[in-house]
């Protein structure tokens, strides 16, 4: 991972963005020697968001199993019958 100062980002934003698009490598932006933000390619960010939505759905499913809030296949078919026509 590449590390850049916030002042470098201010001065060379176009260059840093071009390199980011070419390498697809995230850039850690630091401020006063401390991590401040990550700069990532827009396509990579969207892919991460999609993965998070999938993982959140899996987590909800696991919570439903733990809380015993599940249906048998026949119960689910019955409840979904109006959409399964």
PDB file of N, CA and C in Angstrom:
ATOM      1  N   UNK A   1       0.845  -1.172   0.000  1.00  0.00           N
ATOM      2  CA  UNK A   1       0.000   0.000   0.000  1.00  0.00           C
ATOM      3  C   UNK A   1       0.893   1.238   0.000  1.00  0.00           C
ATOM      4  N   UNK A   2       0.484   2.167  -0.785  1.00  0.00           N
ATOM      5  CA  UNK A   2       1.219   3.413  -0.904  1.00  0.00           C
ATOM      6  C   UNK A   2       0.756   4.392   0.172  1.00  0.00           C
ATOM      7  N   UNK A   3       1.666   5.192   0.678  1.00  0.00           N
ATOM      8  CA  UNK A   3       1.351   6.191   1.702  1.00  0.00           C
ATOM      9  C   UNK A   3       1.736   7.567   1.171  1.00  0.00           C
ATOM     10  N   UNK A   4       0.817   8.506   1.299  1.00  0.00           N
ATOM     11  CA  UNK A   4       1.069   9.887   0.847  1.00  0.00           C
ATOM     12  C   UNK A   4       0.626  10.866   1.925  1.00  0.00           C
ATOM     13  N   UNK A   5       1.332  11.970   2.004  1.00  0.00           N
ATOM     14  CA  UNK A   5       0.935  13.060   2.900  1.00  0.00           C
ATOM     15  C   UNK A   5      -0.255  13.794   2.298  1.00  0.00           C
ATOM     16  N   UNK A   6      -1.092  14.351   3.132  1.00  0.00           N
ATOM     17  CA  UNK A   6      -2.242  15.110   2.645  1.00  0.00           C
ATOM     18  C   UNK A   6      -1.775  16.306   1.806  1.00  0.00           C
ATOM     19  N   UNK A   7      -0.648  16.893   2.169  1.00  0.00           N
ATOM     20  CA  UNK A   7      -0.139  18.022   1.378  1.00  0.00           C
ATOM     21  C   UNK A   7       0.297  17.569  -0.020  1.00  0.00           C
ATOM     22  N   UNK A   8       0.835  16.359  -0.121  1.00  0.00           N
ATOM     23  CA  UNK A   8       1.205  15.827  -1.431  1.00  0.00           C
ATOM     24  C   UNK A   8      -0.054  15.600  -2.261  1.00  0.00           C
ATOM     25  N   UNK A   9      -1.090  15.091  -1.627  1.00  0.00           N
ATOM     26  CA  UNK A   9      -2.359  14.888  -2.328  1.00  0.00           C
ATOM     27  C   UNK A   9      -2.897  16.217  -2.852  1.00  0.00           C
ATOM     28  N   UNK A  10      -2.809  17.254  -2.045  1.00  0.00           N
ATOM     29  CA  UNK A  10      -3.284  18.574  -2.473  1.00  0.00           C
ATOM     30  C   UNK A  10      -2.524  19.072  -3.697  1.00  0.00           C
ATOM     31  N   UNK A  11      -1.225  18.860  -3.711  1.00  0.00           N
ATOM     32  CA  UNK A  11      -0.388  19.372  -4.797  1.00  0.00           C
ATOM     33  C   UNK A  11      -0.393  18.487  -6.040  1.00  0.00           C
ATOM     34  N   UNK A  12      -0.560  17.185  -5.850  1.00  0.00           N
ATOM     35  CA  UNK A  12      -0.400  16.255  -6.965  1.00  0.00           C
ATOM     36  C   UNK A  12      -1.602  15.326  -7.126  1.00  0.00           C
ATOM     37  N   UNK A  13      -2.786  15.835  -6.885  1.00  0.00           N
ATOM     38  CA  UNK A  13      -3.997  15.001  -6.917  1.00  0.00           C
ATOM     39  C   UNK A  13      -4.175  14.290  -8.255  1.00  0.00           C
ATOM     40  N   UNK A  14      -3.988  14.995  -9.356  1.00  0.00           N
ATOM     41  CA  UNK A  14      -4.180  14.402 -10.679  1.00  0.00           C
ATOM     42  C   UNK A  14      -3.217  13.241 -10.896  1.00  0.00           C
ATOM     43  N   UNK A  15      -1.961  13.443 -10.532  1.00  0.00           N
ATOM     44  CA  UNK A  15      -0.941  12.396 -10.697  1.00  0.00           C
ATOM     45  C   UNK A  15      -1.257  11.194  -9.809  1.00  0.00           C
ATOM     46  N   UNK A  16      -1.603  11.447  -8.557  1.00  0.00           N
ATOM     47  CA  UNK A  16      -1.905  10.364  -7.620  1.00  0.00           C
ATOM     48  C   UNK A  16      -3.118   9.573  -8.097  1.00  0.00           C
ATOM     49  N   UNK A  17      -4.146  10.270  -8.579  1.00  0.00           N
ATOM     50  CA  UNK A  17      -5.333   9.575  -9.092  1.00  0.00           C
ATOM     51  C   UNK A  17      -5.005   8.740 -10.326  1.00  0.00           C
ATOM     52  N   UNK A  18      -4.188   9.255 -11.213  1.00  0.00           N
ATOM     53  CA  UNK A  18      -3.804   8.497 -12.410  1.00  0.00           C
ATOM     54  C   UNK A  18      -3.059   7.226 -12.018  1.00  0.00           C
ATOM     55  N   UNK A  19      -2.147   7.344 -11.063  1.00  0.00           N
ATOM     56  CA  UNK A  19      -1.402   6.169 -10.599  1.00  0.00           C
ATOM     57  C   UNK A  19      -2.321   5.180  -9.897  1.00  0.00           C
ATOM     58  N   UNK A  20      -3.286   5.701  -9.157  1.00  0.00           N
ATOM     59  CA  UNK A  20      -4.258   4.842  -8.473  1.00  0.00           C
ATOM     60  C   UNK A  20      -5.064   4.035  -9.490  1.00  0.00           C
ATOM     61  N   UNK A  21      -5.513   4.672 -10.552  1.00  0.00           N
ATOM     62  CA  UNK A  21      -6.298   3.978 -11.574  1.00  0.00           C
ATOM     63  C   UNK A  21      -5.458   2.927 -12.293  1.00  0.00           C
ATOM     64  N   UNK A  22      -4.182   3.221 -12.496  1.00  0.00           N
ATOM     65  CA  UNK A  22      -3.304   2.258 -13.169  1.00  0.00           C
ATOM     66  C   UNK A  22      -2.969   1.067 -12.285  1.00  0.00           C
ATOM     67  N   UNK A  23      -2.610   1.329 -11.038  1.00  0.00           N
ATOM     68  CA  UNK A  23      -2.127   0.258 -10.154  1.00  0.00           C
ATOM     69  C   UNK A  23      -3.237  -0.436  -9.374  1.00  0.00           C
ATOM     70  N   UNK A  24      -4.369   0.238  -9.179  1.00  0.00           N
ATOM     71  CA  UNK A  24      -5.473  -0.262  -8.346  1.00  0.00           C
ATOM     72  C   UNK A  24      -5.044  -0.459  -6.889  1.00  0.00           C
ATOM     73  N   UNK A  25      -3.899   0.100  -6.520  1.00  0.00           N
ATOM     74  CA  UNK A  25      -3.386  -0.035  -5.158  1.00  0.00           C
ATOM     75  C   UNK A  25      -3.915   1.111  -4.299  1.00  0.00           C
ATOM     76  N   UNK A  26      -4.567   0.819  -3.176  1.00  0.00           N
ATOM     77  CA  UNK A  26      -5.072   1.889  -2.304  1.00  0.00           C
ATOM     78  C   UNK A  26      -3.944   2.805  -1.829  1.00  0.00           C
ATOM     79  N   UNK A  27      -4.298   4.043  -1.548  1.00  0.00           N
ATOM     80  CA  UNK A  27      -3.338   5.024  -1.056  1.00  0.00           C
ATOM     81  C   UNK A  27      -3.801   5.461   0.331  1.00  0.00           C
ATOM     82  N   UNK A  28      -2.914   5.329   1.304  1.00  0.00           N
ATOM     83  CA  UNK A  28      -3.205   5.802   2.659  1.00  0.00           C
ATOM     84  C   UNK A  28      -2.762   7.261   2.737  1.00  0.00           C
ATOM     85  N   UNK A  29      -3.693   8.117   3.091  1.00  0.00           N
ATOM     86  CA  UNK A  29      -3.400   9.549   3.234  1.00  0.00           C
ATOM     87  C   UNK A  29      -3.147   9.823   4.716  1.00  0.00           C
ATOM     88  N   UNK A  30      -2.009  10.450   4.997  1.00  0.00           N
ATOM     89  CA  UNK A  30      -1.682  10.755   6.388  1.00  0.00           C
ATOM     90  C   UNK A  30      -1.732  12.258   6.625  1.00  0.00           C
ATOM     91  N   UNK A  31      -2.075  12.607   7.850  1.00  0.00           N
ATOM     92  CA  UNK A  31      -2.136  14.002   8.287  1.00  0.00           C
ATOM     93  C   UNK A  31      -1.414  14.079   9.626  1.00  0.00           C
ATOM     94  N   UNK A  32      -0.418  14.916   9.702  1.00  0.00           N
ATOM     95  CA  UNK A  32       0.389  15.052  10.923  1.00  0.00           C
ATOM     96  C   UNK A  32       0.968  13.705  11.362  1.00  0.00           C
ATOM     97  N   UNK A  33       1.367  12.898  10.384  1.00  0.00           N
ATOM     98  CA  UNK A  33       1.996  11.609  10.675  1.00  0.00           C
ATOM     99  C   UNK A  33       1.041  10.494  11.052  1.00  0.00           C
ATOM    100  N   UNK A  34      -0.251  10.763  11.017  1.00  0.00           N
ATOM    101  CA  UNK A  34      -1.249   9.754  11.405  1.00  0.00           C
ATOM    102  C   UNK A  34      -2.153   9.417  10.223  1.00  0.00           C
ATOM    103  N   UNK A  35      -2.610   8.171  10.135  1.00  0.00           N
ATOM    104  CA  UNK A  35      -3.551   7.803   9.071  1.00  0.00           C
ATOM    105  C   UNK A  35      -4.802   8.669   9.144  1.00  0.00           C
ATOM    106  N   UNK A  36      -5.229   9.167   7.985  1.00  0.00           N
ATOM    107  CA  UNK A  36      -6.395  10.039   7.941  1.00  0.00           C
ATOM    108  C   UNK A  36      -7.487   9.474   7.049  1.00  0.00           C
ATOM    109  N   UNK A  37      -7.104   8.896   5.899  1.00  0.00           N
ATOM    110  CA  UNK A  37      -8.104   8.379   4.964  1.00  0.00           C
ATOM    111  C   UNK A  37      -7.436   7.414   3.991  1.00  0.00           C
ATOM    112  N   UNK A  38      -8.265   6.591   3.374  1.00  0.00           N
ATOM    113  CA  UNK A  38      -7.797   5.730   2.296  1.00  0.00           C
ATOM    114  C   UNK A  38      -8.397   6.226   0.991  1.00  0.00           C
ATOM    115  N   UNK A  39      -7.598   6.242  -0.033  1.00  0.00           N
ATOM    116  CA  UNK A  39      -8.047   6.618  -1.364  1.00  0.00           C
ATOM    117  C   UNK A  39      -8.049   5.340  -2.192  1.00  0.00           C
ATOM    118  N   UNK A  40      -9.238   4.949  -2.673  1.00  0.00           N
ATOM    119  CA  UNK A  40      -9.329   3.729  -3.468  1.00  0.00           C
ATOM    120  C   UNK A  40     -10.084   4.008  -4.756  1.00  0.00           C
ATOM    121  N   UNK A  41      -9.877   3.145  -5.732  1.00  0.00           N
ATOM    122  CA  UNK A  41     -10.538   3.248  -7.020  1.00  0.00           C
ATOM    123  C   UNK A  41     -12.051   3.110  -6.828  1.00  0.00           C
ATOM    124  N   UNK A  42     -12.834   3.873  -7.573  1.00  0.00           N
ATOM    125  CA  UNK A  42     -14.294   3.867  -7.431  1.00  0.00           C
ATOM    126  C   UNK A  42     -14.879   2.480  -7.683  1.00  0.00           C
ATOM    127  N   UNK A  43     -14.375   1.776  -8.687  1.00  0.00           N
ATOM    128  CA  UNK A  43     -14.878   0.435  -8.993  1.00  0.00           C
ATOM    129  C   UNK A  43     -14.597  -0.528  -7.836  1.00  0.00           C
ATOM    130  N   UNK A  44     -13.417  -0.421  -7.232  1.00  0.00           N
ATOM    131  CA  UNK A  44     -13.090  -1.258  -6.076  1.00  0.00           C
ATOM    132  C   UNK A  44     -13.997  -0.937  -4.891  1.00  0.00           C
ATOM    133  N   UNK A  45     -14.291   0.347  -4.690  1.00  0.00           N
ATOM    134  CA  UNK A  45     -15.182   0.752  -3.605  1.00  0.00           C
ATOM    135  C   UNK A  45     -16.576   0.159  -3.805  1.00  0.00           C
ATOM    136  N   UNK A  46     -17.096   0.237  -5.020  1.00  0.00           N
ATOM    137  CA  UNK A  46     -18.430  -0.313  -5.302  1.00  0.00           C
ATOM    138  C   UNK A  46     -18.457  -1.823  -5.086  1.00  0.00           C
ATOM    139  N   UNK A  47     -17.384  -2.515  -5.470  1.00  0.00           N
ATOM    140  CA  UNK A  47     -17.302  -3.953  -5.256  1.00  0.00           C
ATOM    141  C   UNK A  47     -17.283  -4.268  -3.756  1.00  0.00           C
ATOM    142  N   UNK A  48     -16.563  -3.461  -2.975  1.00  0.00           N
ATOM    143  CA  UNK A  48     -16.539  -3.653  -1.526  1.00  0.00           C
ATOM    144  C   UNK A  48     -17.925  -3.449  -0.922  1.00  0.00           C
ATOM    145  N   UNK A  49     -18.663  -2.457  -1.413  1.00  0.00           N
ATOM    146  CA  UNK A  49     -20.011  -2.214  -0.913  1.00  0.00           C
ATOM    147  C   UNK A  49     -20.933  -3.393  -1.226  1.00  0.00           C
ATOM    148  N   UNK A  50     -20.814  -3.950  -2.422  1.00  0.00           N
ATOM    149  CA  UNK A  50     -21.612  -5.130  -2.792  1.00  0.00           C
ATOM    150  C   UNK A  50     -21.291  -6.296  -1.869  1.00  0.00           C
ATOM    151  N   UNK A  51     -20.021  -6.517  -1.594  1.00  0.00           N
ATOM    152  CA  UNK A  51     -19.618  -7.606  -0.697  1.00  0.00           C
ATOM    153  C   UNK A  51     -20.173  -7.388   0.711  1.00  0.00           C
ATOM    154  N   UNK A  52     -20.151  -6.138   1.165  1.00  0.00           N
ATOM    155  CA  UNK A  52     -20.679  -5.838   2.499  1.00  0.00           C
ATOM    156  C   UNK A  52     -22.170  -6.143   2.576  1.00  0.00           C
ATOM    157  N   UNK A  53     -22.930  -5.806   1.518  1.00  0.00           N
ATOM    158  CA  UNK A  53     -24.366  -6.102   1.507  1.00  0.00           C
ATOM    159  C   UNK A  53     -24.603  -7.613   1.588  1.00  0.00           C
ATOM    160  N   UNK A  54     -23.802  -8.388   0.867  1.00  0.00           N
ATOM    161  CA  UNK A  54     -23.932  -9.846   0.909  1.00  0.00           C
ATOM    162  C   UNK A  54     -23.624 -10.360   2.312  1.00  0.00           C
ATOM    163  N   UNK A  55     -22.533  -9.886   2.908  1.00  0.00           N
ATOM    164  CA  UNK A  55     -22.153 -10.327   4.243  1.00  0.00           C
ATOM    165  C   UNK A  55     -23.192  -9.932   5.287  1.00  0.00           C
ATOM    166  N   UNK A  56     -23.795  -8.750   5.135  1.00  0.00           N
ATOM    167  CA  UNK A  56     -24.845  -8.335   6.062  1.00  0.00           C
ATOM    168  C   UNK A  56     -26.059  -9.246   5.941  1.00  0.00           C
ATOM    169  N   UNK A  57     -26.379  -9.680   4.726  1.00  0.00           N
ATOM    170  CA  UNK A  57     -27.486 -10.625   4.530  1.00  0.00           C
ATOM    171  C   UNK A  57     -27.193 -11.959   5.181  1.00  0.00           C
ATOM    172  N   UNK A  58     -25.961 -12.434   5.043  1.00  0.00           N
ATOM    173  CA  UNK A  58     -25.556 -13.689   5.695  1.00  0.00           C
ATOM    174  C   UNK A  58     -25.663 -13.540   7.210  1.00  0.00           C
ATOM    175  N   UNK A  59     -25.216 -12.411   7.744  1.00  0.00           N
ATOM    176  CA  UNK A  59     -25.280 -12.174   9.192  1.00  0.00           C
ATOM    177  C   UNK A  59     -26.728 -12.156   9.675  1.00  0.00           C
ATOM    178  N   UNK A  60     -27.646 -11.541   8.881  1.00  0.00           N
ATOM    179  CA  UNK A  60     -29.068 -11.546   9.267  1.00  0.00           C
ATOM    180  C   UNK A  60     -29.610 -12.969   9.271  1.00  0.00           C
ATOM    181  N   UNK A  61     -29.193 -13.765   8.283  1.00  0.00           N
ATOM    182  CA  UNK A  61     -29.636 -15.154   8.227  1.00  0.00           C
ATOM    183  C   UNK A  61     -29.137 -15.959   9.414  1.00  0.00           C
ATOM    184  N   UNK A  62     -27.878 -15.746   9.777  1.00  0.00           N
ATOM    185  CA  UNK A  62     -27.325 -16.439  10.945  1.00  0.00           C
ATOM    186  C   UNK A  62     -28.048 -16.016  12.223  1.00  0.00           C
ATOM    187  N   UNK A  63     -28.370 -14.735  12.337  1.00  0.00           N
ATOM    188  CA  UNK A  63     -29.097 -14.250  13.515  1.00  0.00           C
ATOM    189  C   UNK A  63     -30.492 -14.865  13.566  1.00  0.00           C
ATOM    190  N   UNK A  64     -31.138 -15.012  12.409  1.00  0.00           N
ATOM    191  CA  UNK A  64     -32.469 -15.619  12.369  1.00  0.00           C
ATOM    192  C   UNK A  64     -32.405 -17.074  12.830  1.00  0.00           C
ATOM    193  N   UNK A  65     -31.362 -17.781  12.432  1.00  0.00           N
ATOM    194  CA  UNK A  65     -31.199 -19.176  12.877  1.00  0.00           C
ATOM    195  C   UNK A  65     -30.982 -19.220  14.379  1.00  0.00           C
ATOM    196  N   UNK A  66     -30.118 -18.354  14.889  1.00  0.00           N
ATOM    197  CA  UNK A  66     -29.838 -18.305  16.325  1.00  0.00           C
ATOM    198  C   UNK A  66     -31.100 -17.973  17.120  1.00  0.00           C
ATOM    199  N   UNK A  67     -31.919 -17.048  16.601  1.00  0.00           N
ATOM    200  CA  UNK A  67     -33.141 -16.623  17.288  1.00  0.00           C
ATOM    201  C   UNK A  67     -34.317 -17.556  17.000  1.00  0.00           C
ATOM    202  N   UNK A  68     -34.055 -18.623  16.249  1.00  0.00           N
ATOM    203  CA  UNK A  68     -35.085 -19.610  15.902  1.00  0.00           C
ATOM    204  C   UNK A  68     -36.249 -18.961  15.138  1.00  0.00           C
ATOM    205  N   UNK A  69     -35.937 -18.041  14.257  1.00  0.00           N
ATOM    206  CA  UNK A  69     -36.935 -17.354  13.435  1.00  0.00           C
ATOM    207  C   UNK A  69     -36.837 -17.851  11.995  1.00  0.00           C
ATOM    208  N   UNK A  70     -37.024 -19.132  11.818  1.00  0.00           N
ATOM    209  CA  UNK A  70     -36.909 -19.725  10.483  1.00  0.00           C
ATOM    210  C   UNK A  70     -38.181 -20.486  10.146  1.00  0.00           C
ATOM    211  N   UNK A  71     -38.337 -20.828   8.866  1.00  0.00           N
ATOM    212  CA  UNK A  71     -39.488 -21.577   8.385  1.00  0.00           C
ATOM    213  C   UNK A  71     -39.016 -22.862   7.725  1.00  0.00           C
ATOM    214  N   UNK A  72     -39.862 -23.870   7.772  1.00  0.00           N
ATOM    215  CA  UNK A  72     -39.578 -25.075   6.999  1.00  0.00           C
ATOM    216  C   UNK A  72     -39.826 -24.734   5.531  1.00  0.00           C
ATOM    217  N   UNK A  73     -39.407 -25.637   4.643  1.00  0.00           N
ATOM    218  CA  UNK A  73     -39.610 -25.386   3.218  1.00  0.00           C
ATOM    219  C   UNK A  73     -41.091 -25.276   2.890  1.00  0.00           C
ATOM    220  N   UNK A  74     -41.912 -26.145   3.461  1.00  0.00           N
ATOM    221  CA  UNK A  74     -43.350 -26.093   3.163  1.00  0.00           C
ATOM    222  C   UNK A  74     -43.982 -24.813   3.716  1.00  0.00           C
ATOM    223  N   UNK A  75     -43.557 -24.372   4.905  1.00  0.00           N
ATOM    224  CA  UNK A  75     -44.066 -23.112   5.460  1.00  0.00           C
ATOM    225  C   UNK A  75     -43.664 -21.927   4.580  1.00  0.00           C
ATOM    226  N   UNK A  76     -42.441 -21.945   4.108  1.00  0.00           N
ATOM    227  CA  UNK A  76     -41.965 -20.862   3.254  1.00  0.00           C
ATOM    228  C   UNK A  76     -42.736 -20.851   1.934  1.00  0.00           C
ATOM    229  N   UNK A  77     -42.957 -22.019   1.350  1.00  0.00           N
ATOM    230  CA  UNK A  77     -43.720 -22.093   0.096  1.00  0.00           C
ATOM    231  C   UNK A  77     -45.124 -21.547   0.291  1.00  0.00           C
ATOM    232  N   UNK A  78     -45.747 -21.899   1.399  1.00  0.00           N
ATOM    233  CA  UNK A  78     -47.104 -21.425   1.704  1.00  0.00           C
ATOM    234  C   UNK A  78     -47.128 -19.891   1.821  1.00  0.00           C
ATOM    235  N   UNK A  79     -46.169 -19.345   2.565  1.00  0.00           N
ATOM    236  CA  UNK A  79     -46.111 -17.886   2.752  1.00  0.00           C
ATOM    237  C   UNK A  79     -45.783 -17.167   1.446  1.00  0.00           C
ATOM    238  N   UNK A  80     -45.045 -17.813   0.544  1.00  0.00           N
ATOM    239  CA  UNK A  80     -44.619 -17.191  -0.701  1.00  0.00           C
ATOM    240  C   UNK A  80     -45.539 -17.545  -1.863  1.00  0.00           C
ATOM    241  N   UNK A  81     -46.578 -18.300  -1.620  1.00  0.00           N
ATOM    242  CA  UNK A  81     -47.423 -18.827  -2.699  1.00  0.00           C
ATOM    243  C   UNK A  81     -47.987 -17.737  -3.620  1.00  0.00           C
ATOM    244  N   UNK A  82     -48.338 -16.578  -3.043  1.00  0.00           N
ATOM    245  CA  UNK A  82     -48.893 -15.528  -3.890  1.00  0.00           C
ATOM    246  C   UNK A  82     -47.862 -14.969  -4.872  1.00  0.00           C
ATOM    247  N   UNK A  83     -46.555 -15.111  -4.561  1.00  0.00           N
ATOM    248  CA  UNK A  83     -45.510 -14.637  -5.475  1.00  0.00           C
ATOM    249  C   UNK A  83     -45.001 -15.756  -6.393  1.00  0.00           C
ATOM    250  N   UNK A  84     -45.314 -17.008  -6.064  1.00  0.00           N
ATOM    251  CA  UNK A  84     -44.784 -18.135  -6.817  1.00  0.00           C
ATOM    252  C   UNK A  84     -45.743 -18.623  -7.902  1.00  0.00           C
ATOM    253  N   UNK A  85     -46.796 -17.898  -8.188  1.00  0.00           N
ATOM    254  CA  UNK A  85     -47.776 -18.340  -9.204  1.00  0.00           C
ATOM    255  C   UNK A  85     -47.225 -18.313 -10.576  1.00  0.00           C
TER     256      UNK A  85
END
